[in-house]
Amino acid sequence: NAVLSYVRTLEMRPGESFVSPMPLFHTAGCVLATLAPIASLGTQVLQPWFDPGVQLELIESERSAVFGGVPTMGSRVSQWPEYVEELHK
């Protein structure tokens, strides 16, 4: 039920990708980031560890509809130099 609620809340659709740097030993990584793409007939893209530059590259290349991560990760991504530069174009 938690996963289905998550899928509905994020409005995940079939075929969408979910890029996740979350570790699979954590509930967010092993349950939400793994089962949500399965439940929504999407694709899970994993990173071996969190790197804001790689996260942004994967979001773009995989056309990710969902950003998986904790607030600190979101903050680091939003402060990544290339991301900030792109926002100011």
N, C-alpha and C. Protein backbone atom coordinates (compact mmCIF):
# COMPACT_ATOMS: atom_id res chain seq x y z
N ASN A 1 0.82 -1.19 0.00
CA ASN A 1 0.00 0.00 0.00
C ASN A 1 0.86 1.25 0.00
N ALA A 2 1.97 1.23 0.73
CA ALA A 2 2.85 2.40 0.76
C ALA A 2 3.40 2.69 -0.63
N VAL A 3 3.79 1.65 -1.35
CA VAL A 3 4.34 1.83 -2.70
C VAL A 3 3.27 2.35 -3.65
N LEU A 4 2.08 1.80 -3.59
CA LEU A 4 1.01 2.28 -4.47
C LEU A 4 0.65 3.72 -4.17
N SER A 5 0.66 4.08 -2.90
CA SER A 5 0.41 5.47 -2.52
C SER A 5 1.52 6.38 -3.06
N TYR A 6 2.75 5.92 -2.98
CA TYR A 6 3.91 6.66 -3.49
C TYR A 6 3.77 6.86 -5.00
N VAL A 7 3.41 5.81 -5.73
CA VAL A 7 3.24 5.88 -7.18
C VAL A 7 2.14 6.88 -7.53
N ARG A 8 1.04 6.82 -6.81
CA ARG A 8 -0.07 7.76 -7.07
C ARG A 8 0.33 9.20 -6.75
N THR A 9 0.99 9.40 -5.62
CA THR A 9 1.40 10.75 -5.20
C THR A 9 2.35 11.37 -6.21
N LEU A 10 3.31 10.59 -6.70
CA LEU A 10 4.29 11.10 -7.66
C LEU A 10 3.76 11.05 -9.10
N GLU A 11 2.56 10.51 -9.26
CA GLU A 11 1.93 10.39 -10.58
C GLU A 11 2.86 9.69 -11.58
N MET A 12 3.47 8.61 -11.12
CA MET A 12 4.38 7.84 -11.97
C MET A 12 3.56 7.09 -13.02
N ARG A 13 4.05 7.11 -14.25
CA ARG A 13 3.35 6.50 -15.37
C ARG A 13 4.20 5.38 -15.98
N PRO A 14 3.54 4.43 -16.66
CA PRO A 14 4.28 3.35 -17.31
C PRO A 14 5.35 3.90 -18.25
N GLY A 15 6.52 3.27 -18.21
CA GLY A 15 7.61 3.66 -19.09
C GLY A 15 8.52 4.75 -18.56
N GLU A 16 8.12 5.43 -17.49
CA GLU A 16 8.97 6.49 -16.94
C GLU A 16 10.13 5.89 -16.17
N SER A 17 11.22 6.64 -16.11
CA SER A 17 12.37 6.16 -15.36
C SER A 17 12.46 6.85 -14.01
N PHE A 18 13.08 6.17 -13.08
CA PHE A 18 13.26 6.63 -11.72
C PHE A 18 14.74 6.50 -11.40
N VAL A 19 15.46 7.62 -11.40
CA VAL A 19 16.90 7.61 -11.09
C VAL A 19 17.05 7.73 -9.57
N SER A 20 17.71 6.77 -8.98
CA SER A 20 17.82 6.75 -7.52
C SER A 20 19.25 6.49 -7.05
N PRO A 21 19.76 7.40 -6.22
CA PRO A 21 21.06 7.16 -5.60
C PRO A 21 20.92 6.54 -4.20
N MET A 22 19.69 6.22 -3.81
CA MET A 22 19.45 5.71 -2.46
C MET A 22 20.03 4.31 -2.29
N PRO A 23 20.67 4.05 -1.16
CA PRO A 23 21.23 2.72 -0.91
C PRO A 23 20.12 1.68 -0.76
N LEU A 24 20.38 0.49 -1.27
CA LEU A 24 19.36 -0.56 -1.24
C LEU A 24 19.19 -1.18 0.15
N PHE A 25 20.06 -0.84 1.10
CA PHE A 25 19.87 -1.34 2.46
C PHE A 25 18.90 -0.46 3.25
N HIS A 26 18.45 0.63 2.66
CA HIS A 26 17.53 1.56 3.31
C HIS A 26 16.12 1.37 2.73
N THR A 27 15.12 1.61 3.54
CA THR A 27 13.73 1.45 3.11
C THR A 27 13.43 2.24 1.84
N ALA A 28 13.92 3.46 1.76
CA ALA A 28 13.65 4.28 0.57
C ALA A 28 14.27 3.66 -0.68
N GLY A 29 15.41 3.03 -0.53
CA GLY A 29 16.08 2.42 -1.67
C GLY A 29 15.52 1.06 -2.03
N CYS A 30 15.31 0.21 -1.04
CA CYS A 30 14.88 -1.16 -1.34
C CYS A 30 13.38 -1.29 -1.53
N VAL A 31 12.61 -0.37 -0.99
CA VAL A 31 11.15 -0.47 -1.14
C VAL A 31 10.65 0.56 -2.16
N LEU A 32 10.75 1.84 -1.82
CA LEU A 32 10.17 2.86 -2.69
C LEU A 32 10.88 2.96 -4.04
N ALA A 33 12.20 3.06 -4.03
CA ALA A 33 12.94 3.25 -5.28
C ALA A 33 12.99 1.98 -6.14
N THR A 34 12.72 0.82 -5.55
CA THR A 34 12.73 -0.43 -6.30
C THR A 34 11.32 -0.87 -6.69
N LEU A 35 10.42 -0.87 -5.73
CA LEU A 35 9.07 -1.36 -6.02
C LEU A 35 8.19 -0.36 -6.76
N ALA A 36 8.44 0.93 -6.58
CA ALA A 36 7.62 1.94 -7.28
C ALA A 36 7.78 1.84 -8.80
N PRO A 37 9.01 1.75 -9.33
CA PRO A 37 9.12 1.57 -10.78
C PRO A 37 8.48 0.26 -11.26
N ILE A 38 8.58 -0.78 -10.45
CA ILE A 38 7.94 -2.05 -10.83
C ILE A 38 6.43 -1.89 -10.85
N ALA A 39 5.88 -1.28 -9.80
CA ALA A 39 4.42 -1.10 -9.70
C ALA A 39 3.88 -0.20 -10.80
N SER A 40 4.69 0.75 -11.27
CA SER A 40 4.23 1.68 -12.29
C SER A 40 4.68 1.27 -13.70
N LEU A 41 5.28 0.08 -13.81
CA LEU A 41 5.80 -0.43 -15.09
C LEU A 41 6.85 0.50 -15.67
N GLY A 42 7.69 1.03 -14.78
CA GLY A 42 8.75 1.96 -15.19
C GLY A 42 10.11 1.29 -15.12
N THR A 43 11.14 2.12 -15.13
CA THR A 43 12.52 1.65 -15.12
C THR A 43 13.26 2.26 -13.94
N GLN A 44 14.00 1.45 -13.23
CA GLN A 44 14.83 1.93 -12.13
C GLN A 44 16.26 2.07 -12.63
N VAL A 45 16.87 3.23 -12.38
CA VAL A 45 18.26 3.48 -12.74
C VAL A 45 19.00 3.75 -11.43
N LEU A 46 19.97 2.90 -11.12
CA LEU A 46 20.70 3.02 -9.86
C LEU A 46 22.07 3.68 -10.06
N GLN A 47 22.51 4.36 -9.03
CA GLN A 47 23.88 4.87 -8.96
C GLN A 47 24.59 4.06 -7.88
N PRO A 48 25.86 3.74 -8.07
CA PRO A 48 26.57 2.99 -7.03
C PRO A 48 26.79 3.82 -5.76
N TRP A 49 26.86 5.14 -5.90
CA TRP A 49 26.95 6.06 -4.77
C TRP A 49 26.45 7.41 -5.26
N PHE A 50 26.13 8.29 -4.34
CA PHE A 50 25.60 9.59 -4.72
C PHE A 50 26.70 10.52 -5.21
N ASP A 51 26.48 11.07 -6.38
CA ASP A 51 27.34 12.09 -6.95
C ASP A 51 26.40 13.06 -7.66
N PRO A 52 26.33 14.34 -7.24
CA PRO A 52 25.37 15.26 -7.83
C PRO A 52 25.52 15.43 -9.33
N GLY A 53 26.75 15.44 -9.84
CA GLY A 53 26.95 15.57 -11.28
C GLY A 53 26.42 14.37 -12.04
N VAL A 54 26.71 13.18 -11.52
CA VAL A 54 26.21 11.95 -12.15
C VAL A 54 24.69 11.90 -12.06
N GLN A 55 24.14 12.31 -10.93
CA GLN A 55 22.69 12.34 -10.75
C GLN A 55 22.04 13.20 -11.84
N LEU A 56 22.58 14.40 -12.06
CA LEU A 56 22.03 15.29 -13.08
C LEU A 56 22.17 14.70 -14.48
N GLU A 57 23.33 14.09 -14.76
CA GLU A 57 23.53 13.46 -16.07
C GLU A 57 22.53 12.34 -16.30
N LEU A 58 22.30 11.52 -15.28
CA LEU A 58 21.36 10.41 -15.42
C LEU A 58 19.92 10.91 -15.54
N ILE A 59 19.58 11.94 -14.79
CA ILE A 59 18.22 12.50 -14.91
C ILE A 59 17.97 12.95 -16.34
N GLU A 60 18.98 13.60 -16.93
CA GLU A 60 18.83 14.08 -18.31
C GLU A 60 18.86 12.93 -19.31
N SER A 61 19.86 12.07 -19.23
CA SER A 61 20.00 11.01 -20.23
C SER A 61 18.88 9.98 -20.15
N GLU A 62 18.39 9.71 -18.96
CA GLU A 62 17.32 8.72 -18.79
C GLU A 62 15.93 9.36 -18.81
N ARG A 63 15.91 10.70 -18.93
CA ARG A 63 14.65 11.45 -18.93
C ARG A 63 13.82 11.08 -17.70
N SER A 64 14.48 11.13 -16.56
CA SER A 64 13.87 10.70 -15.31
C SER A 64 12.71 11.61 -14.91
N ALA A 65 11.61 10.97 -14.56
CA ALA A 65 10.42 11.70 -14.12
C ALA A 65 10.44 11.93 -12.61
N VAL A 66 11.27 11.17 -11.91
CA VAL A 66 11.27 11.23 -10.45
C VAL A 66 12.71 11.37 -9.96
N PHE A 67 12.91 12.23 -8.99
CA PHE A 67 14.22 12.37 -8.34
C PHE A 67 14.12 11.63 -7.01
N GLY A 68 14.85 10.54 -6.89
CA GLY A 68 14.88 9.82 -5.62
C GLY A 68 16.05 10.33 -4.80
N GLY A 69 15.82 10.60 -3.54
CA GLY A 69 16.90 11.05 -2.68
C GLY A 69 16.37 11.74 -1.44
N VAL A 70 17.28 12.08 -0.57
CA VAL A 70 16.94 12.79 0.66
C VAL A 70 17.18 14.28 0.45
N PRO A 71 16.65 15.15 1.32
CA PRO A 71 16.81 16.59 1.13
C PRO A 71 18.26 17.06 0.93
N THR A 72 19.20 16.46 1.63
CA THR A 72 20.60 16.86 1.46
C THR A 72 21.07 16.61 0.03
N MET A 73 20.65 15.50 -0.56
CA MET A 73 21.01 15.20 -1.94
C MET A 73 20.40 16.24 -2.88
N GLY A 74 19.14 16.58 -2.67
CA GLY A 74 18.48 17.60 -3.48
C GLY A 74 19.20 18.93 -3.38
N SER A 75 19.64 19.27 -2.19
CA SER A 75 20.37 20.52 -1.98
C SER A 75 21.70 20.51 -2.73
N ARG A 76 22.40 19.40 -2.66
CA ARG A 76 23.70 19.29 -3.36
C ARG A 76 23.52 19.37 -4.87
N VAL A 77 22.46 18.74 -5.38
CA VAL A 77 22.19 18.80 -6.82
C VAL A 77 21.86 20.24 -7.22
N SER A 78 21.04 20.92 -6.44
CA SER A 78 20.62 22.29 -6.79
C SER A 78 21.78 23.28 -6.72
N GLN A 79 22.88 22.93 -6.05
CA GLN A 79 24.03 23.81 -5.95
C GLN A 79 25.17 23.40 -6.90
N TRP A 80 24.95 22.36 -7.69
CA TRP A 80 25.98 21.89 -8.60
C TRP A 80 26.24 22.98 -9.64
N PRO A 81 27.50 23.35 -9.88
CA PRO A 81 27.82 24.50 -10.74
C PRO A 81 27.16 24.48 -12.12
N GLU A 82 27.18 23.35 -12.82
CA GLU A 82 26.58 23.29 -14.15
C GLU A 82 25.06 23.47 -14.09
N TYR A 83 24.44 22.99 -13.03
CA TYR A 83 22.99 23.14 -12.86
C TYR A 83 22.65 24.61 -12.62
N VAL A 84 23.40 25.26 -11.75
CA VAL A 84 23.17 26.67 -11.44
C VAL A 84 23.40 27.52 -12.69
N GLU A 85 24.46 27.20 -13.43
CA GLU A 85 24.78 27.92 -14.67
C GLU A 85 23.63 27.79 -15.68
N GLU A 86 23.09 26.59 -15.81
CA GLU A 86 21.98 26.35 -16.75
C GLU A 86 20.74 27.14 -16.35
N LEU A 87 20.49 27.27 -15.06
CA LEU A 87 19.32 28.02 -14.58
C LEU A 87 19.41 29.50 -14.93
N HIS A 88 20.62 30.02 -15.01
CA HIS A 88 20.80 31.46 -15.24
C HIS A 88 20.97 31.82 -16.72
N LYS A 89 20.77 30.86 -17.61
CA LYS A 89 20.87 31.16 -19.05
C LYS A 89 19.62 31.86 -19.53
